[in-house]
C-alpha atoms as a PDB file:
ATOM      1  CA  MET A   1       8.610  -1.407  -4.767  1.00  0.00           C
ATOM      2  CA  TYR A   2       5.396  -1.265  -6.759  1.00  0.00           C
ATOM      3  CA  ASN A   3       5.832  -2.150 -10.427  1.00  0.00           C
ATOM      4  CA  SER A   4       2.983  -1.060 -12.664  1.00  0.00           C
ATOM      5  CA  GLY A   5       4.507  -2.617 -15.756  1.00  0.00           C
ATOM      6  CA  LYS A   6       4.555  -0.202 -18.674  1.00  0.00           C
ATOM      7  CA  TYR A   7       4.160   2.945 -16.527  1.00  0.00           C
ATOM      8  CA  GLY A   8       7.198   2.535 -14.297  1.00  0.00           C
ATOM      9  CA  LYS A   9       7.917   1.746 -10.673  1.00  0.00           C
ATOM     10  CA  VAL A  10       7.184   3.465  -7.374  1.00  0.00           C
ATOM     11  CA  HIS A  11       9.776   2.892  -4.670  1.00  0.00           C
ATOM     12  CA  PHE A  12       8.915   3.546  -1.023  1.00  0.00           C
ATOM     13  CA  LYS A  13      12.033   4.689   0.846  1.00  0.00           C
ATOM     14  CA  LEU A  14      10.582   4.423   4.347  1.00  0.00           C
ATOM     15  CA  LYS A  15      13.026   1.681   5.406  1.00  0.00           C
ATOM     16  CA  ASP A  16      15.968   3.853   4.367  1.00  0.00           C
ATOM     17  CA  ILE A  17      14.675   6.748   6.470  1.00  0.00           C
ATOM     18  CA  LEU A  18      14.082   4.523   9.486  1.00  0.00           C
ATOM     19  CA  ASP A  19      17.596   3.068   9.198  1.00  0.00           C
ATOM     20  CA  LYS A  20      19.124   6.535   8.868  1.00  0.00           C
ATOM     21  CA  GLU A  21      17.209   7.835  11.896  1.00  0.00           C
ATOM     22  CA  LYS A  22      17.791   4.592  13.838  1.00  0.00           C
ATOM     23  CA  MET A  23      14.056   4.406  14.481  1.00  0.00           C
ATOM     24  CA  SER A  24      11.978   1.259  14.813  1.00  0.00           C
ATOM     25  CA  LYS A  25       8.761   0.637  12.933  1.00  0.00           C
ATOM     26  CA  ASN A  26       7.022   0.344  16.275  1.00  0.00           C
ATOM     27  CA  HIS A  27       8.222   3.778  17.413  1.00  0.00           C
ATOM     28  CA  LEU A  28       7.172   5.311  14.083  1.00  0.00           C
ATOM     29  CA  SER A  29       3.749   3.737  14.539  1.00  0.00           C
ATOM     30  CA  VAL A  30       3.405   5.289  17.997  1.00  0.00           C
ATOM     31  CA  ILE A  31       4.524   8.812  17.048  1.00  0.00           C
ATOM     32  CA  SER A  32       2.639   8.923  13.730  1.00  0.00           C
ATOM     33  CA  GLY A  33      -0.573   7.174  14.723  1.00  0.00           C
ATOM     34  CA  VAL A  34      -0.229   4.894  11.681  1.00  0.00           C
ATOM     35  CA  ARG A  35      -0.866   1.207  12.296  1.00  0.00           C
ATOM     36  CA  PHE A  36       2.223  -1.013  12.434  1.00  0.00           C
ATOM     37  CA  ASP A  37       0.956  -3.292   9.657  1.00  0.00           C
ATOM     38  CA  THR A  38       0.382  -0.282   7.391  1.00  0.00           C
ATOM     39  CA  ILE A  39       3.965   0.870   7.958  1.00  0.00           C
ATOM     40  CA  GLN A  40       5.126  -2.678   7.241  1.00  0.00           C
ATOM     41  CA  ARG A  41       3.214  -2.693   3.923  1.00  0.00           C
ATOM     42  CA  TYR A  42       4.810   0.597   2.866  1.00  0.00           C
ATOM     43  CA  ILE A  43       8.253  -0.778   3.712  1.00  0.00           C
ATOM     44  CA  LYS A  44       7.636  -3.977   1.737  1.00  0.00           C
ATOM     45  CA  GLY A  45       6.075  -2.050  -1.170  1.00  0.00           C
ATOM     46  CA  ASP A  46       2.787  -3.925  -0.844  1.00  0.00           C
ATOM     47  CA  ILE A  47       0.803  -0.718  -1.393  1.00  0.00           C
ATOM     48  CA  ILE A  48      -1.270  -0.271  -4.525  1.00  0.00           C
ATOM     49  CA  ARG A  49      -3.188   2.853  -3.506  1.00  0.00           C
ATOM     50  CA  VAL A  50      -1.373   5.506  -1.536  1.00  0.00           C
ATOM     51  CA  ASP A  51      -3.318   6.988   1.372  1.00  0.00           C
ATOM     52  CA  LEU A  52      -2.383  10.664   1.542  1.00  0.00           C
ATOM     53  CA  ASP A  53      -3.430  10.883   5.192  1.00  0.00           C
ATOM     54  CA  VAL A  54      -0.909   8.150   6.020  1.00  0.00           C
ATOM     55  CA  ILE A  55       1.802   9.879   3.980  1.00  0.00           C
ATOM     56  CA  CYS A  56       1.115  13.199   5.749  1.00  0.00           C
ATOM     57  CA  ARG A  57       1.331  11.520   9.158  1.00  0.00           C
ATOM     58  CA  LEU A  58       4.599   9.825   8.244  1.00  0.00           C
ATOM     59  CA  CYS A  59       6.077  13.049   6.868  1.00  0.00           C
ATOM     60  CA  LYS A  60       5.128  14.944  10.019  1.00  0.00           C
ATOM     61  CA  ALA A  61       6.509  12.247  12.335  1.00  0.00           C
ATOM     62  CA  LEU A  62       9.755  11.962  10.355  1.00  0.00           C
ATOM     63  CA  ASN A  63      10.044  15.695   9.632  1.00  0.00           C
ATOM     64  CA  CYS A  64      10.484  15.034   5.921  1.00  0.00           C
ATOM     65  CA  SER A  65       8.683  15.620   2.633  1.00  0.00           C
ATOM     66  CA  ILE A  66       6.786  13.266   0.346  1.00  0.00           C
ATOM     67  CA  VAL A  67       9.744  12.910  -2.042  1.00  0.00           C
ATOM     68  CA  ASP A  68      11.801  11.586   0.855  1.00  0.00           C
ATOM     69  CA  ILE A  69       9.332   8.689   1.189  1.00  0.00           C
ATOM     70  CA  ILE A  70       8.167   7.992  -2.366  1.00  0.00           C
ATOM     71  CA  GLU A  71      10.264   7.812  -5.521  1.00  0.00           C
ATOM     72  CA  TYR A  72       9.105   7.239  -9.121  1.00  0.00           C
ATOM     73  CA  LYS A  73      11.387   5.291 -11.446  1.00  0.00           C
ATOM     74  CA  LYS A  74      10.868   4.788 -15.177  1.00  0.00           C
END
């Protein structure tokens, strides 16, 4: 989860999706073309700037929408 302090928090739900689909990070990396370490950073919430190309690849590979991956919390 990324915490920007006074503006709120952004939670990446990628781990939840992978658990639900019973998919490994490695398999997601292969089918999406996104590097394993990038997927790992999204899962840990170590992302400060979101790469829309990466998000599009993940959404296509997981057959989901952006809101399924990223959540804003006040």
